[in-house]
Amino acid sequence: MPMPNAPLRFALTLCLLAAVRPLAGQEGSPEDLARAIASSKLRYDLGENGAPGPVKKPVEELHCPARSTAQRVVRTAGGKELKPWSAKAAPRFDEAGKLFAAQRYAEAGLLYKKALELDPTLPQAHRSLADTLVKLGRLAEAQDEYVKALVYDPSSDAALKGLADLGAKAGFTVVRHALLPPEGALGEVQEGRVPIALGPGEKEWVPYLLCKAVWRNEPSYRARRLGKEGEGAYSWTVQEETECLVSYLVGNLGTTETEIQSAAQKARPESTPVEVPVEQVLAAAPPLTRHLKEAADSGLLPGYALFAVLGRRCPAAIAVLPDRAQEDLERYIRRFVIVPGGVTRPAGR
């Protein structure tokens, strides 16, 4: 069935939720996305039983070159580029590995630092130095090195595991809040319609997928949001991902609030509907929604987009981000990946 009114319903929840009220009416808000859908020549379509037809494209359309472990980041006049590893750093790194294996940790640590002085952007060197510092009992320094390893490569399972093991000693927990939209849920344009296929239990992804569909299929919207950068063929941006995360957040908060009100009306049909407190809505919302609310309150949704999407899918792109973006990523890691105490926050679905 056609879905021109669904995003409008999601956008109306902005008027009810104080947490996202400042977004109402702004470009890039769910309201703005809803207007783009309503005025589009395309039809955004959820089919019967979640099967509107052949769906070919993945939700996250990232074309990412592989990043070799023998590459470092160098600054150029145009920004940053990946270049071959320094010939001077590589022998130091290799020798440090041999010293570590021989349990000569102090000597290994000195050589890892020497390698990083030459090539400070190597995630594997930061992770190896962190492992060495743990052996030396220098836990605070080790934590910083694990964080640096994740800033340069958020997909590093070795760095994440090392940080988690360190947390068991230092009194913190490591949490990765995953963003796992249904694969293959967003389709190619077919005879003027954009098909969206969702299975049972996946309705929470409707606002996110509608946002993705607009960014992918509405060049005028991309150009309005990004200027010249948005002209031409579609490519993933942090701005797009942040807007779509806001759509997920707003849509699911609104859906949860509606469900709570409906349950209350069934329990007490004679009662007058009242606004549900945000705290009650959050308590009943999906785990990922609660996490996105925390990240939004902290101004770190861009950092989450970098860590959970681009960092997971394209470490090569993460490595050459502008300094400001890497700072956002590091602030997100320190605030939300490293959780003080031994209580694990629920991971997103």
C-alpha atoms as a PDB file:
ATOM      1  CA  MET A   1       0.000   0.000   0.000  1.00  0.00           C
ATOM      2  CA  PRO A   2       1.177   3.589  -0.569  1.00  0.00           C
ATOM      3  CA  MET A   3       2.836   5.236   2.426  1.00  0.00           C
ATOM      4  CA  PRO A   4       2.575   9.040   1.915  1.00  0.00           C
ATOM      5  CA  ASN A   5       0.877   9.549   5.294  1.00  0.00           C
ATOM      6  CA  ALA A   6       3.010   7.258   7.477  1.00  0.00           C
ATOM      7  CA  PRO A   7       6.023   9.604   7.724  1.00  0.00           C
ATOM      8  CA  LEU A   8       3.647  12.474   8.504  1.00  0.00           C
ATOM      9  CA  ARG A   9       2.317  10.490  11.450  1.00  0.00           C
ATOM     10  CA  PHE A  10       5.842   9.882  12.659  1.00  0.00           C
ATOM     11  CA  ALA A  11       6.666  13.573  12.264  1.00  0.00           C
ATOM     12  CA  LEU A  12       3.646  14.648  14.326  1.00  0.00           C
ATOM     13  CA  THR A  13       5.153  12.991  17.380  1.00  0.00           C
ATOM     14  CA  LEU A  14       7.623  15.873  17.432  1.00  0.00           C
ATOM     15  CA  CYS A  15       4.880  17.995  18.946  1.00  0.00           C
ATOM     16  CA  LEU A  16       4.511  15.537  21.830  1.00  0.00           C
ATOM     17  CA  LEU A  17       8.104  14.720  22.734  1.00  0.00           C
ATOM     18  CA  ALA A  18      10.069  17.414  24.499  1.00  0.00           C
ATOM     19  CA  ALA A  19      13.311  15.547  23.830  1.00  0.00           C
ATOM     20  CA  VAL A  20      13.165  16.247  20.089  1.00  0.00           C
ATOM     21  CA  ARG A  21      10.919  19.312  19.978  1.00  0.00           C
ATOM     22  CA  PRO A  22      13.717  21.663  18.780  1.00  0.00           C
ATOM     23  CA  LEU A  23      13.907  19.651  15.534  1.00  0.00           C
ATOM     24  CA  ALA A  24      10.338  20.443  14.478  1.00  0.00           C
ATOM     25  CA  GLY A  25      10.131  22.342  11.205  1.00  0.00           C
ATOM     26  CA  GLN A  26      13.869  22.303  10.557  1.00  0.00           C
ATOM     27  CA  GLU A  27      15.430  21.027   7.371  1.00  0.00           C
ATOM     28  CA  GLY A  28      16.441  17.430   7.873  1.00  0.00           C
ATOM     29  CA  SER A  29      13.823  16.764  10.559  1.00  0.00           C
ATOM     30  CA  PRO A  30      11.286  13.947  10.117  1.00  0.00           C
ATOM     31  CA  GLU A  31       8.768  16.648   9.171  1.00  0.00           C
ATOM     32  CA  ASP A  32      11.049  17.783   6.354  1.00  0.00           C
ATOM     33  CA  LEU A  33      11.466  14.209   5.163  1.00  0.00           C
ATOM     34  CA  ALA A  34       7.710  13.748   5.266  1.00  0.00           C
ATOM     35  CA  ARG A  35       7.215  16.821   3.104  1.00  0.00           C
ATOM     36  CA  ALA A  36       9.756  15.476   0.599  1.00  0.00           C
ATOM     37  CA  ILE A  37       7.853  12.195   0.382  1.00  0.00           C
ATOM     38  CA  ALA A  38       4.463  13.909   0.103  1.00  0.00           C
ATOM     39  CA  SER A  39       5.649  16.116  -2.786  1.00  0.00           C
ATOM     40  CA  SER A  40       7.614  13.398  -4.581  1.00  0.00           C
ATOM     41  CA  LYS A  41       6.665  11.928  -7.937  1.00  0.00           C
ATOM     42  CA  LEU A  42       7.720   8.558  -6.526  1.00  0.00           C
ATOM     43  CA  ARG A  43       5.528   6.375  -4.331  1.00  0.00           C
ATOM     44  CA  TYR A  44       7.119   5.022  -1.162  1.00  0.00           C
ATOM     45  CA  ASP A  45       5.510   1.672  -0.759  1.00  0.00           C
ATOM     46  CA  LEU A  46       5.179  -0.931   1.992  1.00  0.00           C
ATOM     47  CA  GLY A  47       3.594  -3.976   0.371  1.00  0.00           C
ATOM     48  CA  GLU A  48       1.213  -6.568   1.690  1.00  0.00           C
ATOM     49  CA  ASN A  49       2.825  -8.902   4.247  1.00  0.00           C
ATOM     50  CA  GLY A  50       6.059  -6.917   4.019  1.00  0.00           C
ATOM     51  CA  ALA A  51       6.768  -8.092   0.456  1.00  0.00           C
ATOM     52  CA  PRO A  52       6.300  -5.267  -2.081  1.00  0.00           C
ATOM     53  CA  GLY A  53       8.355  -6.947  -4.793  1.00  0.00           C
ATOM     54  CA  PRO A  54      11.989  -7.660  -5.660  1.00  0.00           C
ATOM     55  CA  VAL A  55      14.348  -5.831  -3.316  1.00  0.00           C
ATOM     56  CA  LYS A  56      17.917  -5.584  -4.552  1.00  0.00           C
ATOM     57  CA  LYS A  57      19.850  -2.901  -2.707  1.00  0.00           C
ATOM     58  CA  PRO A  58      21.288  -3.173   0.797  1.00  0.00           C
ATOM     59  CA  VAL A  59      20.191  -0.506   3.264  1.00  0.00           C
ATOM     60  CA  GLU A  60      23.763   0.649   3.793  1.00  0.00           C
ATOM     61  CA  GLU A  61      25.107   1.290   0.308  1.00  0.00           C
ATOM     62  CA  LEU A  62      28.796   1.834   1.022  1.00  0.00           C
ATOM     63  CA  HIS A  63      31.410   1.089  -1.614  1.00  0.00           C
ATOM     64  CA  CYS A  64      34.521   0.729   0.476  1.00  0.00           C
ATOM     65  CA  PRO A  65      38.051  -0.123  -0.621  1.00  0.00           C
ATOM     66  CA  ALA A  66      39.972  -2.494   1.621  1.00  0.00           C
ATOM     67  CA  ARG A  67      42.492  -0.907   3.936  1.00  0.00           C
ATOM     68  CA  SER A  68      45.766  -2.759   4.199  1.00  0.00           C
ATOM     69  CA  THR A  69      47.413  -3.028   7.605  1.00  0.00           C
ATOM     70  CA  ALA A  70      50.514  -1.714   5.844  1.00  0.00           C
ATOM     71  CA  GLN A  71      48.913   1.692   5.249  1.00  0.00           C
ATOM     72  CA  ARG A  72      49.215   4.862   7.278  1.00  0.00           C
ATOM     73  CA  VAL A  73      47.495   8.243   7.069  1.00  0.00           C
ATOM     74  CA  VAL A  74      49.376  11.283   5.820  1.00  0.00           C
ATOM     75  CA  ARG A  75      48.184  14.875   5.591  1.00  0.00           C
ATOM     76  CA  THR A  76      48.108  16.484   2.159  1.00  0.00           C
ATOM     77  CA  ALA A  77      47.003  19.840   0.798  1.00  0.00           C
ATOM     78  CA  GLY A  78      43.609  18.275   0.018  1.00  0.00           C
ATOM     79  CA  GLY A  79      43.088  16.608   3.393  1.00  0.00           C
ATOM     80  CA  LYS A  80      44.329  13.126   4.323  1.00  0.00           C
ATOM     81  CA  GLU A  81      45.392  10.130   2.263  1.00  0.00           C
ATOM     82  CA  LEU A  82      46.406   6.526   2.866  1.00  0.00           C
ATOM     83  CA  LYS A  83      50.045   5.832   2.033  1.00  0.00           C
ATOM     84  CA  PRO A  84      52.361   2.840   2.477  1.00  0.00           C
ATOM     85  CA  TRP A  85      53.671   2.299   5.972  1.00  0.00           C
ATOM     86  CA  SER A  86      56.926   4.074   6.792  1.00  0.00           C
ATOM     87  CA  ALA A  87      59.955   1.894   6.063  1.00  0.00           C
ATOM     88  CA  LYS A  88      61.455   2.992   9.371  1.00  0.00           C
ATOM     89  CA  ALA A  89      58.389   2.164  11.453  1.00  0.00           C
ATOM     90  CA  ALA A  90      57.773  -1.359  10.175  1.00  0.00           C
ATOM     91  CA  PRO A  91      61.025  -2.911  11.543  1.00  0.00           C
ATOM     92  CA  ARG A  92      60.409  -1.348  14.950  1.00  0.00           C
ATOM     93  CA  PHE A  93      56.892  -2.757  15.036  1.00  0.00           C
ATOM     94  CA  ASP A  94      58.094  -6.240  14.042  1.00  0.00           C
ATOM     95  CA  GLU A  95      60.897  -6.216  16.608  1.00  0.00           C
ATOM     96  CA  ALA A  96      58.505  -5.015  19.303  1.00  0.00           C
ATOM     97  CA  GLY A  97      56.269  -7.987  18.536  1.00  0.00           C
ATOM     98  CA  LYS A  98      59.190 -10.371  19.084  1.00  0.00           C
ATOM     99  CA  LEU A  99      60.045  -8.701  22.393  1.00  0.00           C
ATOM    100  CA  PHE A 100      56.411  -8.948  23.490  1.00  0.00           C
ATOM    101  CA  ALA A 101      56.361 -12.665  22.666  1.00  0.00           C
ATOM    102  CA  ALA A 102      59.519 -13.057  24.768  1.00  0.00           C
ATOM    103  CA  GLN A 103      57.730 -11.284  27.657  1.00  0.00           C
ATOM    104  CA  ARG A 104      60.198  -8.379  27.524  1.00  0.00           C
ATOM    105  CA  TYR A 105      57.339  -5.946  27.882  1.00  0.00           C
ATOM    106  CA  ALA A 106      59.207  -2.783  28.868  1.00  0.00           C
ATOM    107  CA  GLU A 107      61.476  -3.033  25.816  1.00  0.00           C
ATOM    108  CA  ALA A 108      58.525  -3.874  23.571  1.00  0.00           C
ATOM    109  CA  GLY A 109      56.637  -0.834  24.810  1.00  0.00           C
ATOM    110  CA  LEU A 110      59.531   1.480  23.998  1.00  0.00           C
ATOM    111  CA  LEU A 111      59.732   0.142  20.439  1.00  0.00           C
ATOM    112  CA  TYR A 112      55.979   0.392  19.881  1.00  0.00           C
ATOM    113  CA  LYS A 113      56.183   4.050  20.981  1.00  0.00           C
ATOM    114  CA  LYS A 114      59.054   4.597  18.565  1.00  0.00           C
ATOM    115  CA  ALA A 115      56.987   3.120  15.739  1.00  0.00           C
ATOM    116  CA  LEU A 116      54.043   5.351  16.644  1.00  0.00           C
ATOM    117  CA  GLU A 117      56.230   8.445  16.711  1.00  0.00           C
ATOM    118  CA  LEU A 118      56.929   7.746  13.038  1.00  0.00           C
ATOM    119  CA  ASP A 119      53.429   6.554  12.073  1.00  0.00           C
ATOM    120  CA  PRO A 120      50.929   7.694  14.762  1.00  0.00           C
ATOM    121  CA  THR A 121      47.856   6.602  12.772  1.00  0.00           C
ATOM    122  CA  LEU A 122      48.450   2.832  12.802  1.00  0.00           C
ATOM    123  CA  PRO A 123      45.575   1.173  14.708  1.00  0.00           C
ATOM    124  CA  GLN A 124      47.418  -2.134  15.112  1.00  0.00           C
ATOM    125  CA  ALA A 125      50.381  -0.345  16.709  1.00  0.00           C
ATOM    126  CA  HIS A 126      48.127   1.452  19.202  1.00  0.00           C
ATOM    127  CA  ARG A 127      46.419  -1.840  20.040  1.00  0.00           C
ATOM    128  CA  SER A 128      49.729  -3.679  20.462  1.00  0.00           C
ATOM    129  CA  LEU A 129      51.111  -0.908  22.668  1.00  0.00           C
ATOM    130  CA  ALA A 130      47.921  -1.106  24.744  1.00  0.00           C
ATOM    131  CA  ASP A 131      48.383  -4.864  25.175  1.00  0.00           C
ATOM    132  CA  THR A 132      51.947  -4.205  26.325  1.00  0.00           C
ATOM    133  CA  LEU A 133      50.928  -1.480  28.786  1.00  0.00           C
ATOM    134  CA  VAL A 134      48.395  -3.877  30.329  1.00  0.00           C
ATOM    135  CA  LYS A 135      51.231  -6.343  30.950  1.00  0.00           C
ATOM    136  CA  LEU A 136      53.179  -3.534  32.621  1.00  0.00           C
ATOM    137  CA  GLY A 137      50.234  -2.620  34.833  1.00  0.00           C
ATOM    138  CA  ARG A 138      49.817   0.828  33.272  1.00  0.00           C
ATOM    139  CA  LEU A 139      46.082   0.490  32.835  1.00  0.00           C
ATOM    140  CA  ALA A 140      45.072   4.132  32.295  1.00  0.00           C
ATOM    141  CA  GLU A 141      47.633   4.510  29.498  1.00  0.00           C
ATOM    142  CA  ALA A 142      46.508   1.209  27.999  1.00  0.00           C
ATOM    143  CA  GLN A 143      42.906   2.432  27.916  1.00  0.00           C
ATOM    144  CA  ASP A 144      43.943   5.533  25.963  1.00  0.00           C
ATOM    145  CA  GLU A 145      45.820   3.404  23.432  1.00  0.00           C
ATOM    146  CA  TYR A 146      42.855   1.069  22.902  1.00  0.00           C
ATOM    147  CA  VAL A 147      40.665   4.124  22.313  1.00  0.00           C
ATOM    148  CA  LYS A 148      43.121   5.453  19.727  1.00  0.00           C
ATOM    149  CA  ALA A 149      43.126   2.067  17.995  1.00  0.00           C
ATOM    150  CA  LEU A 150      39.318   2.190  17.763  1.00  0.00           C
ATOM    151  CA  VAL A 151      39.328   5.804  16.539  1.00  0.00           C
ATOM    152  CA  TYR A 152      41.501   4.780  13.586  1.00  0.00           C
ATOM    153  CA  ASP A 153      39.648   1.483  13.049  1.00  0.00           C
ATOM    154  CA  PRO A 154      36.290   1.015  14.860  1.00  0.00           C
ATOM    155  CA  SER A 155      35.938  -2.410  13.224  1.00  0.00           C
ATOM    156  CA  SER A 156      38.908  -3.800  15.167  1.00  0.00           C
ATOM    157  CA  ASP A 157      37.579  -6.719  17.188  1.00  0.00           C
ATOM    158  CA  ALA A 158      41.038  -7.180  18.716  1.00  0.00           C
ATOM    159  CA  ALA A 159      41.063  -3.627  20.102  1.00  0.00           C
ATOM    160  CA  LEU A 160      37.496  -3.959  21.375  1.00  0.00           C
ATOM    161  CA  LYS A 161      38.278  -7.276  23.079  1.00  0.00           C
ATOM    162  CA  GLY A 162      41.468  -5.870  24.586  1.00  0.00           C
ATOM    163  CA  LEU A 163      39.528  -2.918  25.940  1.00  0.00           C
ATOM    164  CA  ALA A 164      36.852  -5.236  27.351  1.00  0.00           C
ATOM    165  CA  ASP A 165      39.482  -7.406  29.063  1.00  0.00           C
ATOM    166  CA  LEU A 166      41.055  -4.265  30.490  1.00  0.00           C
ATOM    167  CA  GLY A 167      37.654  -3.183  31.782  1.00  0.00           C
ATOM    168  CA  ALA A 168      37.428  -6.369  33.849  1.00  0.00           C
ATOM    169  CA  LYS A 169      40.587  -5.235  35.648  1.00  0.00           C
ATOM    170  CA  ALA A 170      39.920  -1.492  35.743  1.00  0.00           C
ATOM    171  CA  GLY A 171      36.221  -1.545  36.658  1.00  0.00           C
ATOM    172  CA  PHE A 172      34.412  -0.559  33.477  1.00  0.00           C
ATOM    173  CA  THR A 173      32.307  -2.374  30.881  1.00  0.00           C
ATOM    174  CA  VAL A 174      32.642  -2.175  27.087  1.00  0.00           C
ATOM    175  CA  VAL A 175      29.447  -2.038  25.049  1.00  0.00           C
ATOM    176  CA  ARG A 176      28.911  -1.922  21.286  1.00  0.00           C
ATOM    177  CA  HIS A 177      25.416  -0.678  20.450  1.00  0.00           C
ATOM    178  CA  ALA A 178      24.867  -2.294  17.069  1.00  0.00           C
ATOM    179  CA  LEU A 179      22.841  -0.787  14.238  1.00  0.00           C
ATOM    180  CA  LEU A 180      21.409  -3.769  12.369  1.00  0.00           C
ATOM    181  CA  PRO A 181      18.679  -2.743   9.911  1.00  0.00           C
ATOM    182  CA  PRO A 182      17.102  -5.578   7.921  1.00  0.00           C
ATOM    183  CA  GLU A 183      19.347  -6.487   5.008  1.00  0.00           C
ATOM    184  CA  GLY A 184      17.896  -5.971   1.558  1.00  0.00           C
ATOM    185  CA  ALA A 185      14.815  -4.137   2.858  1.00  0.00           C
ATOM    186  CA  LEU A 186      15.066  -1.148   0.537  1.00  0.00           C
ATOM    187  CA  GLY A 187      14.572  -1.741  -3.169  1.00  0.00           C
ATOM    188  CA  GLU A 188      15.264  -0.206  -6.557  1.00  0.00           C
ATOM    189  CA  VAL A 189      12.743   2.216  -8.028  1.00  0.00           C
ATOM    190  CA  GLN A 190      10.172   0.127  -9.894  1.00  0.00           C
ATOM    191  CA  GLU A 191       7.631   1.834 -12.171  1.00  0.00           C
ATOM    192  CA  GLY A 192       7.601   4.984 -10.093  1.00  0.00           C
ATOM    193  CA  ARG A 193       7.526   3.338  -6.667  1.00  0.00           C
ATOM    194  CA  VAL A 194      10.162   2.685  -4.031  1.00  0.00           C
ATOM    195  CA  PRO A 195       9.523  -0.738  -2.442  1.00  0.00           C
ATOM    196  CA  ILE A 196      10.299  -1.360   1.215  1.00  0.00           C
ATOM    197  CA  ALA A 197      10.155  -4.956   2.439  1.00  0.00           C
ATOM    198  CA  LEU A 198       9.935  -5.715   6.154  1.00  0.00           C
ATOM    199  CA  GLY A 199       9.317  -9.009   7.863  1.00  0.00           C
ATOM    200  CA  PRO A 200       7.406  -9.720  11.082  1.00  0.00           C
ATOM    201  CA  GLY A 201       8.776  -7.782  14.031  1.00  0.00           C
ATOM    202  CA  GLU A 202      10.680  -5.271  11.871  1.00  0.00           C
ATOM    203  CA  LYS A 203       8.207  -2.364  11.849  1.00  0.00           C
ATOM    204  CA  GLU A 204      10.492  -0.316  14.077  1.00  0.00           C
ATOM    205  CA  TRP A 205      12.718   0.219  11.014  1.00  0.00           C
ATOM    206  CA  VAL A 206      10.025   1.953   8.916  1.00  0.00           C
ATOM    207  CA  PRO A 207      11.048   5.569   9.778  1.00  0.00           C
ATOM    208  CA  TYR A 208      14.739   4.774   9.294  1.00  0.00           C
ATOM    209  CA  LEU A 209      14.137   3.122   5.922  1.00  0.00           C
ATOM    210  CA  LEU A 210      11.875   5.917   4.703  1.00  0.00           C
ATOM    211  CA  CYS A 211      14.654   8.373   5.492  1.00  0.00           C
ATOM    212  CA  LYS A 212      17.170   6.208   3.630  1.00  0.00           C
ATOM    213  CA  ALA A 213      14.800   5.975   0.678  1.00  0.00           C
ATOM    214  CA  VAL A 214      14.501   9.764   0.446  1.00  0.00           C
ATOM    215  CA  TRP A 215      18.251  10.298   0.549  1.00  0.00           C
ATOM    216  CA  ARG A 216      18.835   7.604  -2.062  1.00  0.00           C
ATOM    217  CA  ASN A 217      16.058   8.517  -4.496  1.00  0.00           C
ATOM    218  CA  GLU A 218      15.497  12.292  -4.203  1.00  0.00           C
ATOM    219  CA  PRO A 219      18.452  14.195  -5.746  1.00  0.00           C
ATOM    220  CA  SER A 220      16.786  17.549  -5.030  1.00  0.00           C
ATOM    221  CA  TYR A 221      16.585  16.692  -1.340  1.00  0.00           C
ATOM    222  CA  ARG A 222      20.278  15.709  -1.257  1.00  0.00           C
ATOM    223  CA  ALA A 223      21.246  18.929  -2.999  1.00  0.00           C
ATOM    224  CA  ARG A 224      19.190  20.984  -0.545  1.00  0.00           C
ATOM    225  CA  ARG A 225      20.805  19.295   2.435  1.00  0.00           C
ATOM    226  CA  LEU A 226      24.399  19.074   1.184  1.00  0.00           C
ATOM    227  CA  GLY A 227      24.765  21.769  -1.480  1.00  0.00           C
ATOM    228  CA  LYS A 228      27.164  20.898  -4.278  1.00  0.00           C
ATOM    229  CA  GLU A 229      28.309  17.792  -2.416  1.00  0.00           C
ATOM    230  CA  GLY A 230      24.801  16.370  -2.810  1.00  0.00           C
ATOM    231  CA  GLU A 231      24.592  16.855  -6.567  1.00  0.00           C
ATOM    232  CA  GLY A 232      25.043  13.888  -8.833  1.00  0.00           C
ATOM    233  CA  ALA A 233      25.021  10.242  -7.820  1.00  0.00           C
ATOM    234  CA  TYR A 234      24.084   9.120  -4.326  1.00  0.00           C
ATOM    235  CA  SER A 235      26.820   8.482  -1.781  1.00  0.00           C
ATOM    236  CA  TRP A 236      26.565   7.873   1.968  1.00  0.00           C
ATOM    237  CA  THR A 237      27.262  10.815   4.297  1.00  0.00           C
ATOM    238  CA  VAL A 238      27.378  11.273   8.058  1.00  0.00           C
ATOM    239  CA  GLN A 239      24.668  13.917   7.718  1.00  0.00           C
ATOM    240  CA  GLU A 240      22.341  11.438   6.036  1.00  0.00           C
ATOM    241  CA  GLU A 241      22.988   8.788   8.672  1.00  0.00           C
ATOM    242  CA  THR A 242      22.425  11.233  11.513  1.00  0.00           C
ATOM    243  CA  GLU A 243      19.095  12.365  10.054  1.00  0.00           C
ATOM    244  CA  CYS A 244      17.971   8.770   9.578  1.00  0.00           C
ATOM    245  CA  LEU A 245      18.930   7.928  13.163  1.00  0.00           C
ATOM    246  CA  VAL A 246      16.780  10.859  14.305  1.00  0.00           C
ATOM    247  CA  SER A 247      13.916   9.472  12.206  1.00  0.00           C
ATOM    248  CA  TYR A 248      14.344   6.066  13.872  1.00  0.00           C
ATOM    249  CA  LEU A 249      14.393   7.732  17.285  1.00  0.00           C
ATOM    250  CA  VAL A 250      11.354   9.947  16.738  1.00  0.00           C
ATOM    251  CA  GLY A 251       9.326   7.268  14.999  1.00  0.00           C
ATOM    252  CA  ASN A 252       9.887   4.667  17.683  1.00  0.00           C
ATOM    253  CA  LEU A 253       9.321   7.048  20.572  1.00  0.00           C
ATOM    254  CA  GLY A 254       6.025   8.032  18.944  1.00  0.00           C
ATOM    255  CA  THR A 255       5.048   4.411  18.333  1.00  0.00           C
ATOM    256  CA  THR A 256       5.874   3.465  21.918  1.00  0.00           C
ATOM    257  CA  GLU A 257       3.862   6.364  23.290  1.00  0.00           C
ATOM    258  CA  THR A 258       0.863   5.356  21.168  1.00  0.00           C
ATOM    259  CA  GLU A 259       1.113   1.772  22.399  1.00  0.00           C
ATOM    260  CA  ILE A 260       1.191   2.916  26.032  1.00  0.00           C
ATOM    261  CA  GLN A 261      -1.837   5.156  25.534  1.00  0.00           C
ATOM    262  CA  SER A 262      -3.763   2.387  23.774  1.00  0.00           C
ATOM    263  CA  ALA A 263      -3.065  -0.026  26.616  1.00  0.00           C
ATOM    264  CA  ALA A 264      -4.212   2.569  29.155  1.00  0.00           C
ATOM    265  CA  GLN A 265      -7.427   3.186  27.235  1.00  0.00           C
ATOM    266  CA  LYS A 266      -8.190  -0.531  27.128  1.00  0.00           C
ATOM    267  CA  ALA A 267      -7.613  -0.800  30.863  1.00  0.00           C
ATOM    268  CA  ARG A 268      -9.717   2.278  31.672  1.00  0.00           C
ATOM    269  CA  PRO A 269     -11.971   3.174  28.708  1.00  0.00           C
ATOM    270  CA  GLU A 270     -13.634   5.995  30.625  1.00  0.00           C
ATOM    271  CA  SER A 271     -10.371   7.856  31.337  1.00  0.00           C
ATOM    272  CA  THR A 272      -9.232  10.931  29.401  1.00  0.00           C
ATOM    273  CA  PRO A 273      -6.059  10.390  27.337  1.00  0.00           C
ATOM    274  CA  VAL A 274      -3.073  12.189  28.824  1.00  0.00           C
ATOM    275  CA  GLU A 275       0.439  12.824  27.588  1.00  0.00           C
ATOM    276  CA  VAL A 276       2.740   9.987  28.584  1.00  0.00           C
ATOM    277  CA  PRO A 277       5.913  11.092  30.450  1.00  0.00           C
ATOM    278  CA  VAL A 278       9.057  10.778  28.355  1.00  0.00           C
ATOM    279  CA  GLU A 279      10.640   8.590  31.055  1.00  0.00           C
ATOM    280  CA  GLN A 280       7.812   6.075  30.723  1.00  0.00           C
ATOM    281  CA  VAL A 281       8.079   6.111  26.939  1.00  0.00           C
ATOM    282  CA  LEU A 282      11.824   5.504  27.082  1.00  0.00           C
ATOM    283  CA  ALA A 283      11.466   2.658  29.567  1.00  0.00           C
ATOM    284  CA  ALA A 284       9.179   0.813  27.130  1.00  0.00           C
ATOM    285  CA  ALA A 285      11.094   1.687  23.930  1.00  0.00           C
ATOM    286  CA  PRO A 286      13.479  -0.674  22.076  1.00  0.00           C
ATOM    287  CA  PRO A 287      17.061  -0.713  23.437  1.00  0.00           C
ATOM    288  CA  LEU A 288      18.479   1.004  20.357  1.00  0.00           C
ATOM    289  CA  THR A 289      15.930   3.817  20.712  1.00  0.00           C
ATOM    290  CA  ARG A 290      17.018   4.403  24.303  1.00  0.00           C
ATOM    291  CA  HIS A 291      20.642   4.511  23.273  1.00  0.00           C
ATOM    292  CA  LEU A 292      20.007   6.937  20.414  1.00  0.00           C
ATOM    293  CA  LYS A 293      18.130   9.193  22.846  1.00  0.00           C
ATOM    294  CA  GLU A 294      21.181   9.254  25.133  1.00  0.00           C
ATOM    295  CA  ALA A 295      23.495   9.951  22.198  1.00  0.00           C
ATOM    296  CA  ALA A 296      21.210  12.719  20.907  1.00  0.00           C
ATOM    297  CA  ASP A 297      21.072  14.349  24.342  1.00  0.00           C
ATOM    298  CA  SER A 298      24.888  14.307  24.407  1.00  0.00           C
ATOM    299  CA  GLY A 299      25.204  15.707  20.879  1.00  0.00           C
ATOM    300  CA  LEU A 300      26.962  12.516  19.773  1.00  0.00           C
ATOM    301  CA  LEU A 301      24.687  11.030  17.111  1.00  0.00           C
ATOM    302  CA  PRO A 302      27.313  11.829  14.430  1.00  0.00           C
ATOM    303  CA  GLY A 303      29.860   9.948  16.535  1.00  0.00           C
ATOM    304  CA  TYR A 304      27.516   6.964  16.725  1.00  0.00           C
ATOM    305  CA  ALA A 305      27.013   7.073  12.933  1.00  0.00           C
ATOM    306  CA  LEU A 306      30.779   6.953  12.475  1.00  0.00           C
ATOM    307  CA  PHE A 307      31.311   4.163  14.997  1.00  0.00           C
ATOM    308  CA  ALA A 308      28.345   1.916  14.209  1.00  0.00           C
ATOM    309  CA  VAL A 309      28.004   2.391  10.439  1.00  0.00           C
ATOM    310  CA  LEU A 310      31.011   3.855   8.635  1.00  0.00           C
ATOM    311  CA  GLY A 311      33.519   2.443  11.115  1.00  0.00           C
ATOM    312  CA  ARG A 312      32.029  -1.031  10.866  1.00  0.00           C
ATOM    313  CA  ARG A 313      31.697  -1.032   7.094  1.00  0.00           C
ATOM    314  CA  CYS A 314      34.552   1.166   5.859  1.00  0.00           C
ATOM    315  CA  PRO A 315      37.605   1.562   8.112  1.00  0.00           C
ATOM    316  CA  ALA A 316      39.529   3.021   5.168  1.00  0.00           C
ATOM    317  CA  ALA A 317      37.174   6.002   5.136  1.00  0.00           C
ATOM    318  CA  ILE A 318      37.357   6.386   8.921  1.00  0.00           C
ATOM    319  CA  ALA A 319      41.138   6.693   8.723  1.00  0.00           C
ATOM    320  CA  VAL A 320      41.016   9.807   6.523  1.00  0.00           C
ATOM    321  CA  LEU A 321      38.189  11.665   8.260  1.00  0.00           C
ATOM    322  CA  PRO A 322      38.701  15.355   9.096  1.00  0.00           C
ATOM    323  CA  ASP A 323      40.010  16.004  12.598  1.00  0.00           C
ATOM    324  CA  ARG A 324      36.630  17.261  13.837  1.00  0.00           C
ATOM    325  CA  ALA A 325      34.877  14.058  12.796  1.00  0.00           C
ATOM    326  CA  GLN A 326      37.519  11.915  14.483  1.00  0.00           C
ATOM    327  CA  GLU A 327      37.067  13.989  17.636  1.00  0.00           C
ATOM    328  CA  ASP A 328      33.320  13.257  17.514  1.00  0.00           C
ATOM    329  CA  LEU A 329      34.115   9.569  17.116  1.00  0.00           C
ATOM    330  CA  GLU A 330      36.516   9.552  20.058  1.00  0.00           C
ATOM    331  CA  ARG A 331      34.060  11.410  22.284  1.00  0.00           C
ATOM    332  CA  TYR A 332      31.395   8.830  21.440  1.00  0.00           C
ATOM    333  CA  ILE A 333      33.734   5.933  22.268  1.00  0.00           C
ATOM    334  CA  ARG A 334      34.761   7.450  25.596  1.00  0.00           C
ATOM    335  CA  ARG A 335      31.174   8.298  26.548  1.00  0.00           C
ATOM    336  CA  PHE A 336      29.209   5.274  25.346  1.00  0.00           C
ATOM    337  CA  VAL A 337      31.524   2.369  24.513  1.00  0.00           C
ATOM    338  CA  ILE A 338      33.341   2.608  27.843  1.00  0.00           C
ATOM    339  CA  VAL A 339      30.724   2.386  30.598  1.00  0.00           C
ATOM    340  CA  PRO A 340      31.879   3.052  34.179  1.00  0.00           C
ATOM    341  CA  GLY A 341      31.215   0.238  36.625  1.00  0.00           C
ATOM    342  CA  GLY A 342      30.409  -3.382  36.030  1.00  0.00           C
ATOM    343  CA  VAL A 343      26.807  -3.022  34.838  1.00  0.00           C
ATOM    344  CA  THR A 344      26.398  -3.670  31.132  1.00  0.00           C
ATOM    345  CA  ARG A 345      24.046  -1.364  29.256  1.00  0.00           C
ATOM    346  CA  PRO A 346      21.715  -3.211  26.915  1.00  0.00           C
ATOM    347  CA  ALA A 347      23.107  -3.370  23.396  1.00  0.00           C
ATOM    348  CA  GLY A 348      20.988  -2.107  20.526  1.00  0.00           C
ATOM    349  CA  ARG A 349      19.250  -4.594  18.278  1.00  0.00           C
END
